[in-house]
Amino acid sequence: MSKRRPITFWATVFVAVVCLSLVAIDGWRSWNARTQQLLEVERSATNLARAMAQQADDTIKAADTSLADIVERIEVDGAAAPALARLQRVLRGHVAELPQLNGLFVYDVDGAWLVNSRPEPLRERNNADREYFQFHRADPARGAHIGTPVVSRSSGKWVVPVSRRINRADGGFAGVALATIDVDYFKRFYQSFDIGQRGAVALTTNAGTLLLRRPFDDATIGMSMARSALYLAYRGAGPVGSVFLESPLDGEVRLNSYRALQHYPLFATAALSKDEQLANWRRDTFLHSLGVLLLAALLGLFGKRLVQQIGLRVEAEAQLLGARDALESLNRQLEKLALQDGLTGLANRRQFDATLAGEFSLAGRAAAPLAFIMLDVDCFKQYNDHYGHIAGDACLRALSQCIVALMPGRRGELAARYGGEEIGILLPDTGLDEALALAERVRAAIEGLRIGHRGSPAGVVTVSAGVAALLPRRGAGAPARLLEAADKALYAAKLGGRNRVCAAAAAPACA
C-alpha cells in the first residue's frame, strides 16, 4: 500500500501550478495584445491608404474632367484666334475653381504652346520634349495619361502632368491638352495624417514611378520603385493589401497598406513603422510582466498552504451554485415547455384548456360573459409552399406579436396557439360586441403589417376570425360549446371570402 502524500506536498504543487499558469496567461495576454495592436495598425494603415487613394482619384478626376472639356472644345471649335481667346477664359475659370491645378495648357502638333491658363501667352515655348507629349504622339489612345512629375516651365514648381490627346477630324495627332497638378497640394493633404515619427505615405504609378512620398524629399520624386518589394507585392497580390516590408529608402520595417485608385493607374501606400507602433506595447508588457512575476513569487512564498484550502472551498461552492443554477434552469425549461408555445411565445394548447376551464367556472359564479375569438391565417399552406416553412414560422411570430400588442390587458385574458395556424383569444368579462370590435382591430392590424403573400387574393397575409360569447350557467353546457360556436363563425368567415370577422349566431354575421 502506497504511502499517502502529505497535504503540504499538494499545496506546493497547487501553488506551483497557479504561479506557472499566471505567468503563462500573462504571456498569452501580452502576445494577444501585440496581435491586436498590429491589427489596429493594419486598420489604421488601410484607412489611410483608402483616404489617400480616394483623394488622389478625386483630384485627378477633377483635372481630367477639365481636360475632356478642353479637348472637346479644340476638336469642335478649332484653334482659330477667337476660339483660343474664348478657351483661355475657360482655362482660367477651371484653374480658379480647382485649387489642385497649377495650370492648364494646350499644345499643337509640334509642341508649341497654343493657349494656357496663365495671364501671359507664353507661345514662344515648346514642350515637344516632354514625356507626356511624346506618349500621346505615339499612342492613339484617348484616355487620360499620368506622366512623370516634372518641374513646371511656367511656374518652377514640381507638378504631376495629366494629359489627353487632341485629334484631327481624320483621327490624326493634333496636339496635347495638359493639366498640371501642384505636388504641394498632395503634400498639404499628406501632412494632415498622423503617421508617427517614422511612418511614410506615398503615391506611385502602376509602372513603379514614385510621384510623391512623405517624408518629403525632392530627390525621390520620379524615382523608379519597380524592383522594390512593395511594388512586387502590389503587382503580385492585387489592388488592395497589407504586408510588412523593409523600406529600400531608409531600412525601416513598416506595415505597408496599399490600394489602387479606382479610375487611374496609380496606387497609394500608407506605411506605419512596426517598432514605433509597438513601442507602447513593449513598455506596457514589460511593466505588466514584472508585476506578474513579483506576484507569482509572493504566491509561491506565502500561499503554499492557504491556497489549497481556499481553492477547495471555492470549488465546493461552485459545485453547489452550479447544481442550483442547473436545477433552476431545468425547472424554467420544464415550465416553459409545459405552458408556452415554443414558436410563437403564446400560451400552448395545454395552458389554454386549463385557463378556459377556470375562467368558465369563474364566469358562471359571477354571472359574467365570456368571449372567445378564433383566428386562422388565410391561405397559410400556400404561404408555406411558396416562401418556405422558415418564412412561415417568422410570419406566425409576427402575427402573434401583433395580437399580444392589441390585447386589452384584463385579468384572465389569454392568447394561445390553438392549432397549426390557428390562434385563440380568451376574453373574460367581455360581451360579443366588444369581442367583435377587438377581432376587427386585430384583423385590420395584421392586414396593415403588409406581409407579402402571392398565394392570397389580397396579396398580403390576412386572417379570418370567428367570435362567440356566452353567459355561462351551471348545468348549461361545457366550455366546448363556446369553442364550437367560434369555430363555426370562423368557418362562415372563410366561406364568406376570408379576411373578415364573423359572429356566432343562428345566421352568422360577418364584417
Protein backbone atom coordinates (compact mmCIF):
# COMPACT_ATOMS: atom_id res chain seq x y z
CA MET A 1 0.00 0.00 0.00
CA SER A 2 1.49 3.30 -1.13
CA LYS A 3 2.10 5.98 1.41
CA ARG A 4 -0.34 8.89 1.25
CA ARG A 5 1.39 12.13 0.42
CA PRO A 6 1.11 14.92 2.99
CA ILE A 7 -1.10 17.94 2.41
CA THR A 8 1.97 20.17 2.21
CA PHE A 9 3.04 18.38 -0.98
CA TRP A 10 -0.29 19.00 -2.71
CA ALA A 11 -0.29 22.58 -1.51
CA THR A 12 3.16 23.08 -3.02
CA VAL A 13 2.04 21.52 -6.32
CA PHE A 14 -1.10 23.68 -6.40
CA VAL A 15 0.81 26.90 -5.75
CA ALA A 16 3.38 25.97 -8.38
CA VAL A 17 0.64 25.33 -10.96
CA VAL A 18 -1.06 28.62 -10.10
CA CYS A 19 2.17 30.55 -10.45
CA LEU A 20 3.07 28.90 -13.75
CA SER A 21 -0.46 29.43 -15.05
CA LEU A 22 -0.35 33.07 -14.05
CA VAL A 23 2.89 33.56 -15.95
CA ALA A 24 1.58 31.61 -18.96
CA ILE A 25 -1.68 33.56 -19.05
CA ASP A 26 0.21 36.82 -18.84
CA GLY A 27 2.43 35.70 -21.70
CA TRP A 28 -0.61 34.81 -23.78
CA ARG A 29 -2.29 38.10 -22.89
CA SER A 30 0.81 40.03 -23.89
CA TRP A 31 1.10 38.20 -27.18
CA ASN A 32 -2.61 38.66 -27.86
CA ALA A 33 -2.28 42.38 -27.07
CA ARG A 34 0.58 42.53 -29.58
CA THR A 35 -1.57 40.83 -32.20
CA GLN A 36 -4.44 43.22 -31.52
CA GLN A 37 -2.07 46.18 -31.70
CA LEU A 38 -0.79 45.04 -35.09
CA LEU A 39 -4.37 44.54 -36.29
CA GLU A 40 -5.16 48.06 -35.18
CA VAL A 41 -2.09 49.31 -37.02
CA GLU A 42 -3.24 47.46 -40.12
CA ARG A 43 -6.71 49.00 -39.86
CA SER A 44 -5.21 52.46 -39.49
CA ALA A 45 -2.87 51.95 -42.43
CA THR A 46 -5.68 50.55 -44.55
CA ASN A 47 -7.89 53.54 -43.75
CA LEU A 48 -5.04 55.92 -44.59
CA ALA A 49 -4.43 54.18 -47.91
CA ARG A 50 -8.15 54.31 -48.69
CA ALA A 51 -8.32 58.03 -47.90
CA MET A 52 -5.21 58.73 -49.99
CA ALA A 53 -6.47 56.71 -52.93
CA GLN A 54 -9.86 58.44 -52.82
CA GLN A 55 -8.25 61.89 -52.57
CA ALA A 56 -5.87 61.19 -55.45
CA ASP A 57 -8.67 59.72 -57.56
CA ASP A 58 -10.94 62.72 -56.92
CA THR A 59 -8.11 65.18 -57.54
CA ILE A 60 -7.10 63.65 -60.87
CA LYS A 61 -10.73 63.11 -61.87
CA ALA A 62 -11.46 66.81 -61.49
CA ALA A 63 -8.42 67.70 -63.61
CA ASP A 64 -9.31 65.03 -66.18
CA THR A 65 -12.85 66.37 -66.47
CA SER A 66 -11.44 69.78 -67.32
CA LEU A 67 -9.14 68.17 -69.93
CA ALA A 68 -12.03 66.32 -71.56
CA ASP A 69 -13.89 69.62 -71.87
CA ILE A 70 -10.82 71.33 -73.37
CA VAL A 71 -10.21 68.54 -75.90
CA GLU A 72 -13.85 68.63 -76.99
CA ARG A 73 -13.73 72.41 -77.46
CA ILE A 74 -10.50 72.29 -79.52
CA GLU A 75 -11.72 69.44 -81.73
CA VAL A 76 -15.11 71.12 -82.35
CA ASP A 77 -14.27 74.85 -82.37
CA GLY A 78 -10.77 74.60 -83.85
CA ALA A 79 -7.69 76.63 -82.97
CA ALA A 80 -8.51 79.97 -84.55
CA ALA A 81 -7.70 83.12 -82.59
CA PRO A 82 -11.31 83.81 -81.44
CA ALA A 83 -11.76 80.21 -80.32
CA LEU A 84 -8.44 80.28 -78.42
CA ALA A 85 -9.40 83.55 -76.74
CA ARG A 86 -12.65 82.00 -75.51
CA LEU A 87 -10.80 78.87 -74.49
CA GLN A 88 -8.28 80.84 -72.40
CA ARG A 89 -11.14 82.28 -70.36
CA VAL A 90 -12.44 78.74 -69.83
CA LEU A 91 -8.98 77.54 -68.75
CA ARG A 92 -8.60 80.35 -66.26
CA GLY A 93 -12.07 79.59 -64.87
CA HIS A 94 -11.20 75.91 -64.35
CA VAL A 95 -7.96 76.77 -62.57
CA ALA A 96 -9.75 79.27 -60.34
CA GLU A 97 -12.30 76.61 -59.32
CA LEU A 98 -9.85 73.74 -58.72
CA PRO A 99 -7.19 74.51 -56.08
CA GLN A 100 -5.15 71.44 -57.04
CA LEU A 101 -4.43 72.77 -60.54
CA ASN A 102 -1.14 74.56 -61.20
CA GLY A 103 -2.21 75.28 -64.74
CA LEU A 104 -3.99 74.16 -67.92
CA PHE A 105 -2.20 74.15 -71.31
CA VAL A 106 -2.84 73.25 -74.93
CA TYR A 107 -0.03 72.35 -77.36
CA ASP A 108 -0.19 72.00 -81.13
CA VAL A 109 1.09 69.11 -83.20
CA ASP A 110 4.70 70.37 -82.88
CA GLY A 111 4.59 71.00 -79.11
CA ALA A 112 4.18 74.78 -79.34
CA TRP A 113 2.03 76.46 -76.68
CA LEU A 114 -1.33 77.39 -78.23
CA VAL A 115 -3.15 78.62 -75.15
CA ASN A 116 -2.86 78.29 -71.37
CA SER A 117 -4.41 79.46 -68.16
CA ARG A 118 -1.60 81.93 -67.41
CA PRO A 119 -2.22 85.65 -67.89
CA GLU A 120 0.73 85.79 -70.32
CA PRO A 121 0.53 83.91 -73.69
CA LEU A 122 3.92 82.07 -73.43
CA ARG A 123 3.51 80.98 -77.06
CA GLU A 124 7.21 81.05 -77.85
CA ARG A 125 7.81 77.98 -75.66
CA ASN A 126 7.76 74.36 -76.79
CA ASN A 127 7.08 71.16 -74.84
CA ALA A 128 7.66 68.57 -77.55
CA ASP A 129 10.45 67.07 -75.43
CA ARG A 130 8.16 66.23 -72.50
CA GLU A 131 7.35 62.57 -71.81
CA TYR A 132 3.58 63.08 -71.99
CA PHE A 133 3.80 64.81 -75.40
CA GLN A 134 5.88 62.02 -76.89
CA PHE A 135 3.50 59.45 -75.35
CA HIS A 136 0.39 60.93 -76.99
CA ARG A 137 2.12 61.49 -80.33
CA ALA A 138 2.94 57.78 -80.46
CA ASP A 139 -0.16 56.34 -78.77
CA PRO A 140 -3.63 56.87 -80.33
CA ALA A 141 -5.47 56.15 -77.05
CA ARG A 142 -7.87 58.91 -75.98
CA GLY A 143 -7.83 58.33 -72.24
CA ALA A 144 -6.01 60.34 -69.59
CA HIS A 145 -2.27 59.82 -69.17
CA ILE A 146 -0.50 60.39 -65.84
CA GLY A 147 3.07 61.44 -66.60
CA THR A 148 6.28 61.52 -64.60
CA PRO A 149 6.48 64.53 -62.22
CA VAL A 150 8.39 67.46 -63.67
CA VAL A 151 9.36 71.00 -62.74
CA SER A 152 6.87 73.29 -64.47
CA ARG A 153 8.41 75.63 -67.06
CA SER A 154 5.74 78.19 -66.33
CA SER A 155 5.82 78.24 -62.50
CA GLY A 156 9.03 76.46 -61.49
CA LYS A 157 7.08 74.10 -59.19
CA TRP A 158 7.02 70.34 -59.08
CA VAL A 159 3.85 69.19 -60.83
CA VAL A 160 2.19 65.95 -61.81
CA PRO A 161 1.15 66.14 -65.51
CA VAL A 162 -2.24 64.77 -66.51
CA SER A 163 -2.80 64.91 -70.27
CA ARG A 164 -5.11 63.91 -73.11
CA ARG A 165 -4.51 63.58 -76.84
CA ILE A 166 -6.14 66.01 -79.32
CA ASN A 167 -7.07 64.53 -82.69
CA ARG A 168 -7.80 65.93 -86.12
CA ALA A 169 -11.09 65.10 -87.81
CA ASP A 170 -9.41 62.15 -89.55
CA GLY A 171 -8.09 60.78 -86.25
CA GLY A 172 -4.55 62.03 -86.73
CA PHE A 173 -2.50 63.59 -83.94
CA ALA A 174 -3.26 67.31 -83.49
CA GLY A 175 -1.70 68.14 -80.13
CA VAL A 176 -1.99 67.67 -76.38
CA ALA A 177 -4.16 69.13 -73.63
CA LEU A 178 -2.34 69.23 -70.30
CA ALA A 179 -3.35 69.78 -66.67
CA THR A 180 -0.58 70.16 -64.10
CA ILE A 181 -1.42 69.24 -60.52
CA ASP A 182 0.66 71.01 -57.90
CA VAL A 183 2.68 68.49 -55.86
CA ASP A 184 2.28 70.82 -52.88
CA TYR A 185 -1.45 70.10 -52.98
CA PHE A 186 -0.73 66.45 -52.19
CA LYS A 187 1.90 67.45 -49.63
CA ARG A 188 -0.58 69.53 -47.66
CA PHE A 189 -3.04 66.64 -47.61
CA TYR A 190 -0.42 64.08 -46.55
CA GLN A 191 0.85 66.38 -43.79
CA SER A 192 -2.58 66.15 -42.15
CA PHE A 193 -2.05 62.44 -41.37
CA ASP A 194 -0.69 61.26 -38.04
CA ILE A 195 1.79 58.58 -39.17
CA GLY A 196 4.24 58.87 -36.29
CA GLN A 197 7.89 59.90 -36.47
CA ARG A 198 8.92 57.06 -38.77
CA GLY A 199 5.82 56.44 -40.85
CA ALA A 200 5.61 57.05 -44.57
CA VAL A 201 2.96 57.59 -47.23
CA ALA A 202 3.46 57.53 -50.98
CA LEU A 203 1.71 57.78 -54.32
CA THR A 204 3.13 55.61 -57.10
CA THR A 205 2.20 54.82 -60.70
CA ASN A 206 1.36 51.29 -61.77
CA ALA A 207 4.60 51.36 -63.74
CA GLY A 208 6.55 51.83 -60.50
CA THR A 209 7.34 55.56 -60.73
CA LEU A 210 7.24 57.32 -57.36
CA LEU A 211 5.20 60.52 -57.66
CA LEU A 212 5.38 61.71 -54.07
CA ARG A 213 6.44 60.42 -50.67
CA ARG A 214 6.26 61.63 -47.11
CA PRO A 215 8.85 62.20 -45.58
CA PHE A 216 9.19 64.67 -48.45
CA ASP A 217 12.37 64.66 -50.50
CA ASP A 218 12.55 66.15 -53.98
CA ALA A 219 15.30 63.66 -54.83
CA THR A 220 12.80 60.79 -54.59
CA ILE A 221 10.22 62.34 -56.96
CA GLY A 222 10.11 60.37 -60.17
CA MET A 223 12.43 57.58 -59.00
CA SER A 224 11.65 54.00 -60.02
CA MET A 225 10.28 51.60 -57.41
CA ALA A 226 9.80 48.77 -59.92
CA ARG A 227 12.28 46.50 -58.15
CA SER A 228 11.13 47.23 -54.61
CA ALA A 229 9.46 44.55 -52.52
CA LEU A 230 6.38 46.76 -52.07
CA TYR A 231 5.90 47.19 -55.80
CA LEU A 232 6.35 43.46 -56.40
CA ALA A 233 3.80 42.72 -53.64
CA TYR A 234 1.34 45.15 -55.21
CA ARG A 235 1.74 43.69 -58.69
CA GLY A 236 1.53 40.13 -57.43
CA ALA A 237 -1.19 40.23 -54.77
CA GLY A 238 -3.77 42.57 -56.26
CA PRO A 239 -5.08 46.12 -55.93
CA VAL A 240 -5.58 46.05 -52.15
CA GLY A 241 -3.39 44.52 -49.46
CA SER A 242 -1.07 44.88 -46.49
CA VAL A 243 2.43 43.50 -45.94
CA PHE A 244 5.38 44.02 -43.59
CA LEU A 245 8.41 45.17 -45.59
CA GLU A 246 11.75 46.82 -45.08
CA SER A 247 11.95 50.15 -46.90
CA PRO A 248 14.70 50.36 -49.55
CA LEU A 249 14.95 54.10 -48.84
CA ASP A 250 15.66 54.11 -45.09
CA GLY A 251 15.73 50.44 -43.98
CA GLU A 252 12.73 50.88 -41.66
CA VAL A 253 10.39 47.87 -41.27
CA ARG A 254 6.86 49.07 -41.81
CA LEU A 255 3.38 47.69 -42.28
CA ASN A 256 2.59 48.81 -45.82
CA SER A 257 -1.07 49.02 -46.82
CA TYR A 258 -1.64 49.77 -50.47
CA ARG A 259 -4.74 50.48 -52.53
CA ALA A 260 -5.14 51.07 -56.25
CA LEU A 261 -7.03 54.12 -57.50
CA GLN A 262 -10.42 53.32 -58.95
CA HIS A 263 -10.06 55.19 -62.24
CA TYR A 264 -6.36 55.83 -62.83
CA PRO A 265 -3.17 53.69 -63.00
CA LEU A 266 -1.83 54.70 -59.58
CA PHE A 267 -1.75 53.19 -56.13
CA ALA A 268 -1.49 54.83 -52.71
CA THR A 269 0.61 53.43 -49.90
CA ALA A 270 0.39 54.09 -46.15
CA ALA A 271 3.27 52.61 -44.14
CA LEU A 272 3.47 52.69 -40.33
CA SER A 273 6.68 51.79 -38.50
CA LYS A 274 6.40 48.43 -36.78
CA ASP A 275 8.84 49.35 -33.99
CA GLU A 276 7.21 52.71 -33.40
CA GLN A 277 3.68 51.30 -33.28
CA LEU A 278 4.74 48.56 -30.84
CA ALA A 279 6.71 50.89 -28.53
CA ASN A 280 3.80 51.42 -26.13
CA TRP A 281 3.03 47.68 -26.16
CA ARG A 282 6.64 46.88 -25.20
CA ARG A 283 6.59 49.34 -22.32
CA ASP A 284 3.23 48.10 -21.02
CA THR A 285 4.24 44.47 -21.42
CA PHE A 286 7.48 44.98 -19.51
CA LEU A 287 5.76 46.69 -16.58
CA HIS A 288 2.88 44.24 -16.50
CA SER A 289 5.12 41.18 -16.76
CA LEU A 290 7.35 42.49 -13.98
CA GLY A 291 4.31 42.87 -11.73
CA VAL A 292 3.08 39.37 -12.60
CA LEU A 293 6.46 37.81 -11.81
CA LEU A 294 6.53 39.56 -8.43
CA LEU A 295 3.00 38.40 -7.68
CA ALA A 296 3.88 34.82 -8.65
CA ALA A 297 6.88 34.92 -6.31
CA LEU A 298 4.71 36.13 -3.43
CA LEU A 299 2.15 33.40 -4.11
CA GLY A 300 4.94 30.81 -4.10
CA LEU A 301 6.32 32.04 -0.76
CA PHE A 302 3.18 32.76 1.26
CA GLY A 303 0.35 30.80 -0.37
CA LYS A 304 1.63 27.24 -0.15
CA ARG A 305 -0.90 26.05 2.41
CA LEU A 306 -3.68 28.66 2.28
CA VAL A 307 -4.30 28.45 -1.46
CA GLN A 308 -5.29 24.81 -1.37
CA GLN A 309 -7.88 25.36 1.39
CA ILE A 310 -9.35 28.37 -0.35
CA GLY A 311 -9.40 26.51 -3.65
CA LEU A 312 -11.27 23.57 -2.11
CA ARG A 313 -13.85 25.88 -0.61
CA VAL A 314 -14.34 27.79 -3.84
CA GLU A 315 -14.66 24.54 -5.74
CA ALA A 316 -17.32 23.24 -3.33
CA GLU A 317 -19.27 26.50 -3.54
CA ALA A 318 -19.01 26.50 -7.30
CA GLN A 319 -20.38 22.99 -7.47
CA LEU A 320 -23.32 23.93 -5.24
CA LEU A 321 -24.05 27.04 -7.25
CA GLY A 322 -23.75 25.08 -10.46
CA ALA A 323 -26.17 22.43 -9.22
CA ARG A 324 -28.63 25.11 -8.06
CA ASP A 325 -28.41 27.01 -11.35
CA ALA A 326 -28.82 23.80 -13.33
CA LEU A 327 -31.89 22.87 -11.30
CA GLU A 328 -33.45 26.33 -11.70
CA SER A 329 -32.72 26.28 -15.40
CA LEU A 330 -34.29 22.85 -15.73
CA ASN A 331 -37.39 23.98 -13.83
CA ARG A 332 -37.76 27.03 -16.03
CA GLN A 333 -37.39 24.95 -19.15
CA LEU A 334 -39.95 22.44 -17.93
CA GLU A 335 -42.38 25.22 -17.03
CA LYS A 336 -41.88 26.85 -20.39
CA LEU A 337 -42.34 23.57 -22.25
CA ALA A 338 -45.46 22.82 -20.25
CA LEU A 339 -47.28 26.13 -20.74
CA GLN A 340 -45.77 28.05 -23.65
CA ASP A 341 -45.67 27.51 -27.40
CA GLY A 342 -42.01 27.39 -28.42
CA LEU A 343 -42.53 29.04 -31.83
CA THR A 344 -44.80 32.00 -31.13
CA GLY A 345 -44.23 32.60 -27.43
CA LEU A 346 -48.00 32.43 -26.85
CA ALA A 347 -49.67 30.04 -24.46
CA ASN A 348 -49.89 26.47 -25.74
CA ARG A 349 -52.99 24.33 -26.00
CA ARG A 350 -52.43 22.81 -22.58
CA GLN A 351 -52.37 26.18 -20.84
CA PHE A 352 -55.33 27.35 -22.89
CA ASP A 353 -57.51 24.39 -21.91
CA ALA A 354 -56.68 24.86 -18.22
CA THR A 355 -57.36 28.60 -18.37
CA LEU A 356 -60.62 28.12 -20.27
CA ALA A 357 -61.94 25.71 -17.64
CA GLY A 358 -61.03 28.07 -14.82
CA GLU A 359 -62.46 31.20 -16.46
CA PHE A 360 -65.62 29.36 -17.47
CA SER A 361 -66.18 28.40 -13.83
CA LEU A 362 -65.45 31.96 -12.61
CA ALA A 363 -67.78 33.46 -15.20
CA GLY A 364 -70.56 31.08 -14.15
CA ARG A 365 -70.26 32.06 -10.50
CA ALA A 366 -70.06 35.76 -11.25
CA ALA A 367 -72.75 35.68 -13.98
CA ALA A 368 -70.29 37.48 -16.26
CA PRO A 369 -69.99 36.98 -20.04
CA LEU A 370 -67.08 35.04 -21.55
CA ALA A 371 -65.97 35.64 -25.15
CA PHE A 372 -63.66 33.73 -27.43
CA ILE A 373 -62.03 34.72 -30.74
CA MET A 374 -60.76 32.04 -33.09
CA LEU A 375 -58.25 33.39 -35.69
CA ASP A 376 -56.97 31.48 -38.70
CA VAL A 377 -54.29 32.65 -41.17
CA ASP A 378 -55.77 32.76 -44.68
CA CYS A 379 -54.11 30.53 -47.32
CA PHE A 380 -51.29 29.67 -44.93
CA LYS A 381 -50.47 26.41 -46.70
CA GLN A 382 -49.86 28.33 -49.90
CA TYR A 383 -47.67 30.75 -47.94
CA ASN A 384 -45.52 27.87 -46.66
CA ASP A 385 -45.42 26.24 -50.10
CA HIS A 386 -44.27 29.47 -51.75
CA TYR A 387 -41.99 31.03 -49.14
CA GLY A 388 -40.90 28.00 -47.13
CA HIS A 389 -41.57 26.88 -43.56
CA ILE A 390 -38.90 29.14 -42.08
CA ALA A 391 -40.69 32.18 -43.51
CA GLY A 392 -43.98 30.68 -42.32
CA ASP A 393 -42.66 30.42 -38.77
CA ALA A 394 -41.46 34.03 -38.94
CA CYS A 395 -44.91 35.07 -40.18
CA LEU A 396 -46.63 33.34 -37.24
CA ARG A 397 -44.28 35.05 -34.78
CA ALA A 398 -45.01 38.46 -36.31
CA LEU A 399 -48.77 37.88 -36.16
CA SER A 400 -48.53 36.69 -32.56
CA GLN A 401 -46.64 39.82 -31.51
CA CYS A 402 -49.25 41.97 -33.24
CA ILE A 403 -52.09 40.18 -31.43
CA VAL A 404 -50.43 40.48 -28.00
CA ALA A 405 -49.91 44.20 -28.57
CA LEU A 406 -53.66 44.71 -29.11
CA MET A 407 -54.86 42.73 -26.07
CA PRO A 408 -56.84 44.89 -23.60
CA GLY A 409 -54.76 43.77 -20.63
CA ARG A 410 -57.55 42.50 -18.42
CA ARG A 411 -57.33 39.82 -15.78
CA GLY A 412 -57.58 36.31 -17.10
CA GLU A 413 -57.35 37.14 -20.82
CA LEU A 414 -55.14 34.77 -22.82
CA ALA A 415 -53.81 34.46 -26.36
CA ALA A 416 -52.83 30.90 -27.28
CA ARG A 417 -51.70 28.95 -30.30
CA TYR A 418 -54.72 26.73 -30.73
CA GLY A 419 -53.54 24.73 -33.74
CA GLY A 420 -51.05 24.95 -36.61
CA GLU A 421 -52.00 28.42 -37.86
CA GLU A 422 -54.95 28.97 -35.53
CA ILE A 423 -54.73 31.39 -32.62
CA GLY A 424 -57.37 31.67 -29.91
CA ILE A 425 -58.06 34.71 -27.72
CA LEU A 426 -59.98 34.13 -24.48
CA LEU A 427 -61.65 37.26 -23.09
CA PRO A 428 -63.27 37.04 -19.63
CA ASP A 429 -65.96 39.57 -18.67
CA THR A 430 -66.35 40.54 -22.35
CA GLY A 431 -69.54 40.66 -24.40
CA LEU A 432 -69.98 39.79 -28.07
CA ASP A 433 -69.86 43.38 -29.38
CA GLU A 434 -66.64 44.19 -27.54
CA ALA A 435 -65.05 40.92 -28.71
CA LEU A 436 -66.12 41.64 -32.29
CA ALA A 437 -64.52 45.08 -32.09
CA LEU A 438 -61.25 43.60 -30.81
CA ALA A 439 -61.30 40.91 -33.51
CA GLU A 440 -61.75 43.55 -36.21
CA ARG A 441 -58.85 45.60 -34.80
CA VAL A 442 -56.65 42.51 -34.86
CA ARG A 443 -57.71 41.65 -38.42
CA ALA A 444 -57.01 45.20 -39.65
CA ALA A 445 -53.69 45.40 -37.83
CA ILE A 446 -52.48 42.12 -39.34
CA GLU A 447 -53.52 43.25 -42.79
CA GLY A 448 -51.72 46.50 -42.09
CA LEU A 449 -48.45 44.63 -41.50
CA ARG A 450 -48.33 44.24 -45.30
CA ILE A 451 -46.56 40.89 -45.20
CA GLY A 452 -46.38 39.86 -48.86
CA HIS A 453 -48.36 36.75 -49.82
CA ARG A 454 -48.53 35.86 -53.51
CA GLY A 455 -50.82 32.91 -52.80
CA SER A 456 -53.53 35.12 -51.26
CA PRO A 457 -56.12 37.10 -53.25
CA ALA A 458 -55.31 40.10 -51.05
CA GLY A 459 -51.61 39.95 -51.94
CA VAL A 460 -50.69 40.18 -48.25
CA VAL A 461 -51.11 37.96 -45.20
CA THR A 462 -54.63 38.24 -43.74
CA VAL A 463 -56.66 36.40 -41.11
CA SER A 464 -60.25 35.33 -40.73
CA ALA A 465 -61.91 35.35 -37.32
CA GLY A 466 -64.87 33.76 -35.66
CA VAL A 467 -66.23 35.33 -32.47
CA ALA A 468 -68.51 33.78 -29.88
CA ALA A 469 -69.70 34.90 -26.44
CA LEU A 470 -71.97 33.41 -23.84
CA LEU A 471 -73.09 33.81 -20.26
CA PRO A 472 -72.08 30.56 -18.52
CA ARG A 473 -74.69 28.97 -16.27
CA ARG A 474 -74.43 25.91 -14.13
CA GLY A 475 -75.66 22.94 -15.99
CA ALA A 476 -76.00 24.95 -19.21
CA GLY A 477 -73.19 23.17 -21.07
CA ALA A 478 -69.44 22.71 -21.16
CA PRO A 479 -66.80 25.19 -22.40
CA ALA A 480 -66.68 23.20 -25.63
CA ARG A 481 -69.86 24.99 -26.72
CA LEU A 482 -68.04 28.31 -26.73
CA LEU A 483 -65.23 26.89 -28.86
CA GLU A 484 -67.65 25.20 -31.27
CA ALA A 485 -69.59 28.42 -31.77
CA ALA A 486 -66.43 30.40 -32.51
CA ASP A 487 -65.21 27.66 -34.87
CA LYS A 488 -68.49 27.74 -36.81
CA ALA A 489 -68.25 31.52 -37.08
CA LEU A 490 -64.68 31.15 -38.35
CA TYR A 491 -65.90 28.66 -40.96
CA ALA A 492 -68.51 31.20 -42.05
CA ALA A 493 -65.80 33.87 -42.37
CA LYS A 494 -63.77 31.52 -44.59
CA LEU A 495 -66.80 30.77 -46.79
CA GLY A 496 -67.59 34.47 -46.98
CA GLY A 497 -64.30 35.23 -48.73
CA ARG A 498 -61.71 35.32 -45.90
CA ASN A 499 -60.10 38.41 -44.37
CA ARG A 500 -63.21 39.12 -42.30
CA VAL A 501 -64.77 38.67 -38.88
CA CYS A 502 -67.96 36.70 -38.26
CA ALA A 503 -70.00 36.41 -35.08
CA ALA A 504 -71.53 33.17 -33.89
CA ALA A 505 -75.31 33.24 -34.39
CA ALA A 506 -78.08 31.26 -35.98
CA ALA A 507 -77.28 33.21 -39.15
CA PRO A 508 -73.66 34.30 -38.79
CA ALA A 509 -72.99 37.96 -39.33
CA CYS A 510 -69.72 38.99 -40.94
CA ALA A 511 -67.84 42.26 -41.14
